[in-house]
Amino acid sequence: MTVKRYIREYDKKTECLVGEYIIEKISLKDLQDLFRVPADNPMYDCYPITERELTALLPYISDPHIYTKGDLMLECDDIDVDLG
């Protein structure tokens, strides 16, 4: 299974997705340290992104000019499913 991680931005009023930024070349360990989660947590859940996390993640996204008027979340998708 391959996991792709994103910063996703949601409108504060409607909660609709308004932006998505792919995170590349950051290790799971670095994410665990940044979000202060245990080393055995694979981080499949959604995590709110504060200014501290956003600053640390900017070097790992293709478009570092996020216009943040919404709520930011770290999310992941399974992009390589083995159907057996």
N, C-alpha and C. Protein backbone atom coordinates (compact mmCIF):
# COMPACT_ATOMS: atom_id res chain seq x y z
N MET A 1 0.84 -1.18 0.00
CA MET A 1 0.00 0.00 0.00
C MET A 1 0.88 1.24 0.00
N THR A 2 0.55 2.17 -0.85
CA THR A 2 1.24 3.45 -0.91
C THR A 2 0.28 4.53 -0.41
N VAL A 3 0.78 5.38 0.46
CA VAL A 3 -0.04 6.45 1.03
C VAL A 3 0.47 7.77 0.51
N LYS A 4 -0.43 8.60 0.03
CA LYS A 4 -0.11 9.95 -0.41
C LYS A 4 -0.70 10.91 0.61
N ARG A 5 0.10 11.87 1.05
CA ARG A 5 -0.36 12.83 2.07
C ARG A 5 -0.58 14.21 1.46
N TYR A 6 -1.56 14.89 2.01
CA TYR A 6 -1.99 16.18 1.49
C TYR A 6 -2.21 17.18 2.62
N ILE A 7 -2.08 18.45 2.27
CA ILE A 7 -2.66 19.52 3.06
C ILE A 7 -3.95 19.85 2.33
N ARG A 8 -5.06 19.76 3.04
CA ARG A 8 -6.35 20.10 2.44
C ARG A 8 -6.94 21.27 3.19
N GLU A 9 -7.47 22.21 2.42
CA GLU A 9 -8.04 23.42 3.00
C GLU A 9 -9.56 23.39 2.83
N TYR A 10 -10.26 23.65 3.93
CA TYR A 10 -11.72 23.62 3.94
C TYR A 10 -12.27 25.00 4.30
N ASP A 11 -13.32 25.41 3.61
CA ASP A 11 -13.99 26.66 3.91
C ASP A 11 -14.53 26.62 5.33
N LYS A 12 -14.30 27.69 6.08
CA LYS A 12 -14.71 27.72 7.49
C LYS A 12 -16.23 27.68 7.66
N LYS A 13 -16.98 28.26 6.72
CA LYS A 13 -18.44 28.30 6.85
C LYS A 13 -19.11 27.06 6.29
N THR A 14 -18.71 26.67 5.08
CA THR A 14 -19.40 25.56 4.41
C THR A 14 -18.74 24.21 4.64
N GLU A 15 -17.49 24.23 5.10
CA GLU A 15 -16.68 23.02 5.29
C GLU A 15 -16.40 22.30 3.97
N CYS A 16 -16.58 22.99 2.83
CA CYS A 16 -16.28 22.42 1.53
C CYS A 16 -14.78 22.51 1.26
N LEU A 17 -14.27 21.52 0.55
CA LEU A 17 -12.87 21.51 0.16
C LEU A 17 -12.61 22.65 -0.82
N VAL A 18 -11.63 23.50 -0.53
CA VAL A 18 -11.31 24.63 -1.42
C VAL A 18 -9.86 24.60 -1.91
N GLY A 19 -9.04 23.72 -1.38
CA GLY A 19 -7.67 23.61 -1.83
C GLY A 19 -7.03 22.32 -1.40
N GLU A 20 -6.09 21.85 -2.23
CA GLU A 20 -5.41 20.59 -1.92
C GLU A 20 -3.96 20.71 -2.39
N TYR A 21 -3.02 20.36 -1.51
CA TYR A 21 -1.61 20.49 -1.80
C TYR A 21 -0.92 19.17 -1.44
N ILE A 22 -0.26 18.56 -2.40
CA ILE A 22 0.42 17.29 -2.19
C ILE A 22 1.70 17.52 -1.40
N ILE A 23 1.91 16.70 -0.38
CA ILE A 23 3.14 16.74 0.40
C ILE A 23 4.07 15.66 -0.13
N GLU A 24 5.30 16.06 -0.46
CA GLU A 24 6.24 15.12 -1.04
C GLU A 24 7.55 15.10 -0.25
N LYS A 25 8.18 13.95 -0.25
CA LYS A 25 9.54 13.78 0.27
C LYS A 25 9.69 14.15 1.73
N ILE A 26 8.71 13.80 2.54
CA ILE A 26 8.85 13.94 3.99
C ILE A 26 8.59 12.56 4.58
N SER A 27 9.39 12.19 5.52
CA SER A 27 9.26 10.85 6.11
C SER A 27 8.12 10.80 7.12
N LEU A 28 7.61 9.61 7.33
CA LEU A 28 6.59 9.41 8.35
C LEU A 28 7.13 9.82 9.71
N LYS A 29 8.38 9.49 10.00
CA LYS A 29 8.98 9.87 11.28
C LYS A 29 8.97 11.38 11.47
N ASP A 30 9.32 12.12 10.42
CA ASP A 30 9.31 13.58 10.51
C ASP A 30 7.90 14.10 10.78
N LEU A 31 6.90 13.50 10.13
CA LEU A 31 5.52 13.90 10.38
C LEU A 31 5.09 13.56 11.81
N GLN A 32 5.48 12.38 12.27
CA GLN A 32 5.15 11.99 13.64
C GLN A 32 5.77 12.97 14.65
N ASP A 33 7.00 13.36 14.41
CA ASP A 33 7.65 14.32 15.29
C ASP A 33 6.96 15.67 15.23
N LEU A 34 6.64 16.12 14.04
CA LEU A 34 6.01 17.42 13.85
C LEU A 34 4.65 17.50 14.52
N PHE A 35 3.86 16.44 14.38
CA PHE A 35 2.50 16.42 14.94
C PHE A 35 2.45 15.80 16.34
N ARG A 36 3.62 15.45 16.85
CA ARG A 36 3.75 14.92 18.22
C ARG A 36 2.86 13.70 18.45
N VAL A 37 3.01 12.72 17.55
CA VAL A 37 2.29 11.46 17.71
C VAL A 37 3.29 10.34 17.93
N PRO A 38 2.88 9.25 18.57
CA PRO A 38 3.80 8.15 18.85
C PRO A 38 4.36 7.51 17.57
N ALA A 39 5.52 6.93 17.69
CA ALA A 39 6.20 6.31 16.55
C ALA A 39 5.44 5.14 15.95
N ASP A 40 4.53 4.53 16.71
CA ASP A 40 3.76 3.41 16.17
C ASP A 40 2.45 3.86 15.51
N ASN A 41 2.23 5.16 15.42
CA ASN A 41 1.03 5.70 14.79
C ASN A 41 1.31 5.92 13.30
N PRO A 42 0.60 5.23 12.39
CA PRO A 42 0.86 5.38 10.95
C PRO A 42 0.29 6.68 10.37
N MET A 43 -0.41 7.45 11.17
CA MET A 43 -0.97 8.75 10.79
C MET A 43 -1.92 8.65 9.60
N TYR A 44 -2.88 7.74 9.69
CA TYR A 44 -3.91 7.62 8.66
C TYR A 44 -5.09 8.54 8.95
N ASP A 45 -5.17 9.08 10.16
CA ASP A 45 -6.26 9.98 10.53
C ASP A 45 -6.00 11.37 9.95
N CYS A 46 -6.93 12.28 10.19
CA CYS A 46 -6.79 13.69 9.80
C CYS A 46 -6.25 14.47 11.00
N TYR A 47 -5.37 15.41 10.72
CA TYR A 47 -4.76 16.20 11.78
C TYR A 47 -4.87 17.68 11.44
N PRO A 48 -5.39 18.49 12.37
CA PRO A 48 -5.44 19.94 12.13
C PRO A 48 -4.03 20.51 12.02
N ILE A 49 -3.87 21.44 11.10
CA ILE A 49 -2.57 22.07 10.87
C ILE A 49 -2.61 23.49 11.42
N THR A 50 -1.71 23.75 12.35
CA THR A 50 -1.56 25.09 12.91
C THR A 50 -0.48 25.83 12.11
N GLU A 51 -0.23 27.06 12.44
CA GLU A 51 0.81 27.83 11.76
C GLU A 51 2.17 27.17 11.93
N ARG A 52 2.42 26.57 13.09
CA ARG A 52 3.70 25.90 13.34
C ARG A 52 3.91 24.75 12.36
N GLU A 53 2.90 23.89 12.20
CA GLU A 53 3.03 22.76 11.28
C GLU A 53 3.10 23.23 9.83
N LEU A 54 2.29 24.24 9.49
CA LEU A 54 2.30 24.74 8.12
C LEU A 54 3.68 25.26 7.74
N THR A 55 4.30 26.01 8.61
CA THR A 55 5.63 26.54 8.34
C THR A 55 6.62 25.39 8.08
N ALA A 56 6.54 24.34 8.86
CA ALA A 56 7.44 23.19 8.68
C ALA A 56 7.14 22.42 7.41
N LEU A 57 5.87 22.40 6.97
CA LEU A 57 5.48 21.62 5.79
C LEU A 57 5.67 22.35 4.47
N LEU A 58 5.77 23.66 4.47
CA LEU A 58 5.87 24.42 3.23
C LEU A 58 6.98 23.94 2.28
N PRO A 59 8.17 23.57 2.78
CA PRO A 59 9.21 23.10 1.85
C PRO A 59 8.86 21.78 1.15
N TYR A 60 7.84 21.09 1.61
CA TYR A 60 7.49 19.77 1.07
C TYR A 60 6.28 19.79 0.15
N ILE A 61 5.79 20.96 -0.20
CA ILE A 61 4.64 21.02 -1.11
C ILE A 61 5.03 21.74 -2.39
N SER A 62 4.34 21.41 -3.47
CA SER A 62 4.69 21.96 -4.78
C SER A 62 4.33 23.43 -4.91
N ASP A 63 3.30 23.89 -4.24
CA ASP A 63 2.89 25.29 -4.30
C ASP A 63 2.92 25.88 -2.90
N PRO A 64 4.05 26.49 -2.53
CA PRO A 64 4.17 26.99 -1.16
C PRO A 64 3.41 28.29 -0.90
N HIS A 65 2.54 28.71 -1.83
CA HIS A 65 1.80 29.96 -1.67
C HIS A 65 0.35 29.66 -1.30
N ILE A 66 0.18 28.96 -0.20
CA ILE A 66 -1.17 28.64 0.27
C ILE A 66 -1.83 29.92 0.79
N TYR A 67 -3.00 30.18 0.27
CA TYR A 67 -3.77 31.32 0.74
C TYR A 67 -4.77 30.80 1.76
N THR A 68 -4.44 30.90 3.00
CA THR A 68 -5.22 30.22 4.04
C THR A 68 -6.28 31.11 4.66
N LYS A 69 -7.46 30.96 4.14
CA LYS A 69 -8.63 31.58 4.75
C LYS A 69 -9.47 30.50 5.42
N GLY A 70 -9.15 29.24 5.12
CA GLY A 70 -9.92 28.13 5.64
C GLY A 70 -9.17 27.36 6.70
N ASP A 71 -9.75 26.24 7.07
CA ASP A 71 -9.11 25.33 8.03
C ASP A 71 -8.23 24.35 7.27
N LEU A 72 -7.02 24.14 7.75
CA LEU A 72 -6.08 23.24 7.11
C LEU A 72 -6.00 21.93 7.87
N MET A 73 -5.93 20.82 7.10
CA MET A 73 -5.84 19.49 7.69
C MET A 73 -4.77 18.69 6.96
N LEU A 74 -4.03 17.88 7.72
CA LEU A 74 -3.16 16.88 7.12
C LEU A 74 -4.02 15.64 6.92
N GLU A 75 -4.08 15.16 5.68
CA GLU A 75 -4.89 13.98 5.37
C GLU A 75 -4.09 13.05 4.47
N CYS A 76 -4.55 11.83 4.34
CA CYS A 76 -3.87 10.90 3.44
C CYS A 76 -4.89 10.06 2.68
N ASP A 77 -4.44 9.57 1.54
CA ASP A 77 -5.24 8.66 0.71
C ASP A 77 -4.38 7.46 0.37
N ASP A 78 -5.03 6.33 0.24
CA ASP A 78 -4.38 5.11 -0.23
C ASP A 78 -4.45 5.14 -1.75
N ILE A 79 -3.29 5.24 -2.40
CA ILE A 79 -3.31 5.38 -3.86
C ILE A 79 -2.86 4.13 -4.60
N ASP A 80 -2.47 3.11 -3.88
CA ASP A 80 -1.99 1.88 -4.53
C ASP A 80 -2.61 0.69 -3.79
N VAL A 81 -3.81 0.34 -4.17
CA VAL A 81 -4.53 -0.72 -3.49
C VAL A 81 -4.30 -2.05 -4.20
N ASP A 82 -3.91 -3.06 -3.44
CA ASP A 82 -3.73 -4.40 -3.98
C ASP A 82 -5.06 -5.14 -3.82
N LEU A 83 -5.74 -5.36 -4.94
CA LEU A 83 -7.05 -6.02 -4.90
C LEU A 83 -6.93 -7.53 -4.99
N GLY A 84 -5.74 -8.01 -4.92
CA GLY A 84 -5.48 -9.38 -4.70
C GLY A 84 -5.48 -10.40 -5.68
